[in-house]
Amino acid sequence: MMDMQERINTLVSEGHRAIIFSQFVDTNYGILAIYQRLKYLYPLVFSGSLTLQEKDTIIRKFKSDPGRKVLILSLRAADRDLTCKKHLTSFILTAGGIQL
């Protein structure tokens, strides 16, 4: 977990943004543990416990707010949500220099 935190700090300090996927949700190793480690960066968390409206809001915030540098996603929740897939694919391709 410390290695991931160091890598995220490096990315953010260089002006990059990060999307972190985890198949776990728990407070030991999952998205909740990652959130606790990185909460000083004000990460957004996307999990299956959110309503569709909350999920949409989180993805939109990450795409539009340059101050939001970290998005933490439950792999299962992201995989099942077609809107999330569409938005993230758009964000990743645009960030990589490919305009949709």
Foldseek 3Di string as FASTA:
>chain_A
DVVVLVVLVVQVVVLAADEAEDQDCDCPPAPVVVCVSPVVLVEAEEEPVDDPVSNVVNLVCCQPPSSHRYYYYNPVRCVVDPVSVVSVVQSVCVVVVHHD
